[in-house]
Amino acid sequence: MSDLKSFLTKVAQDPSLNSQYAADPDGTMKAQGLSDADREAVLSGDRAQIGARLGLSPQAFGVSVNVTITLGISIP
């Protein structure tokens, strides 16, 4: 099982994995071993849900939890 933060870092740094993710997000996350809960959070696009899966405090959600997943990932 992969952890979400490591997966997001890999997608941001690996152009091949990024392309795979862009073409098939759920399939790529499954192949990388993400849990159902992590995959559901990412696919929902809900910042609070993703932040919770990343272990961020709820206070961070209002400040700056920015996860952009398309052709790249930005985690400020």
Protein backbone atom coordinates (compact mmCIF):
# COMPACT_ATOMS: atom_id res chain seq x y z
CA MET A 1 0.00 0.00 0.00
CA SER A 2 1.37 3.38 -1.00
CA ASP A 3 0.85 6.51 1.03
CA LEU A 4 -0.98 9.42 -0.56
CA LYS A 5 1.69 12.07 0.02
CA SER A 6 4.36 9.88 -1.61
CA PHE A 7 2.09 9.16 -4.54
CA LEU A 8 1.31 12.84 -5.10
CA THR A 9 5.02 13.66 -4.93
CA LYS A 10 5.81 10.94 -7.49
CA VAL A 11 3.10 12.18 -9.86
CA ALA A 12 4.48 15.71 -9.61
CA GLN A 13 8.06 14.60 -10.31
CA ASP A 14 7.67 11.72 -12.80
CA PRO A 15 6.42 12.80 -16.25
CA SER A 16 5.54 9.23 -17.22
CA LEU A 17 3.48 8.63 -14.08
CA ASN A 18 1.91 12.07 -14.52
CA SER A 19 0.81 11.11 -18.05
CA GLN A 20 -0.59 7.81 -16.81
CA TYR A 21 -2.50 9.64 -14.08
CA ALA A 22 -3.89 12.20 -16.54
CA ALA A 23 -5.16 9.38 -18.78
CA ASP A 24 -6.55 7.14 -16.00
CA PRO A 25 -6.51 8.64 -12.49
CA ASP A 26 -8.24 5.80 -10.66
CA GLY A 27 -6.38 3.05 -12.52
CA THR A 28 -3.05 4.72 -11.83
CA MET A 29 -3.83 5.14 -8.14
CA LYS A 30 -4.93 1.50 -7.92
CA ALA A 31 -1.74 0.34 -9.67
CA GLN A 32 0.32 2.41 -7.22
CA GLY A 33 -1.42 0.74 -4.26
CA LEU A 34 -3.42 3.64 -2.86
CA SER A 35 -6.21 2.73 -0.47
CA ASP A 36 -9.85 3.03 -1.48
CA ALA A 37 -10.22 5.95 0.95
CA ASP A 38 -7.27 7.82 -0.57
CA ARG A 39 -8.51 7.23 -4.12
CA GLU A 40 -12.03 8.36 -3.23
CA ALA A 41 -10.70 11.53 -1.59
CA VAL A 42 -8.57 12.48 -4.60
CA LEU A 43 -11.30 11.68 -7.11
CA SER A 44 -13.80 13.76 -5.12
CA GLY A 45 -11.65 16.88 -5.55
CA ASP A 46 -12.72 17.91 -2.04
CA ARG A 47 -9.82 19.82 -0.47
CA ALA A 48 -10.90 19.07 3.10
CA GLN A 49 -11.18 15.36 2.35
CA ILE A 50 -7.78 15.27 0.62
CA GLY A 51 -6.22 17.33 3.41
CA ALA A 52 -7.62 14.95 6.01
CA ARG A 53 -6.14 11.97 4.13
CA LEU A 54 -2.80 13.83 4.07
CA GLY A 55 -3.00 14.35 7.82
CA LEU A 56 -3.41 18.12 7.65
CA SER A 57 -5.23 19.89 10.44
CA PRO A 58 -8.69 21.33 9.66
CA GLN A 59 -7.29 24.83 10.27
CA ALA A 60 -5.05 24.38 7.22
CA PHE A 61 -8.08 23.90 4.99
CA GLY A 62 -9.08 27.55 5.23
CA VAL A 63 -5.53 28.80 4.88
CA SER A 64 -4.08 27.07 1.87
CA VAL A 65 -4.68 23.46 1.00
CA ASN A 66 -4.20 23.49 -2.72
CA VAL A 67 -3.97 20.18 -4.54
CA THR A 68 -4.19 20.51 -8.28
CA ILE A 69 -4.26 17.28 -10.21
CA THR A 70 -4.35 17.45 -13.95
CA LEU A 71 -1.02 17.90 -15.64
CA GLY A 72 0.82 18.53 -12.37
CA ILE A 73 0.46 18.75 -8.63
CA SER A 74 1.07 21.71 -6.40
CA ILE A 75 1.17 21.26 -2.65
CA PRO A 76 2.19 24.59 -1.13
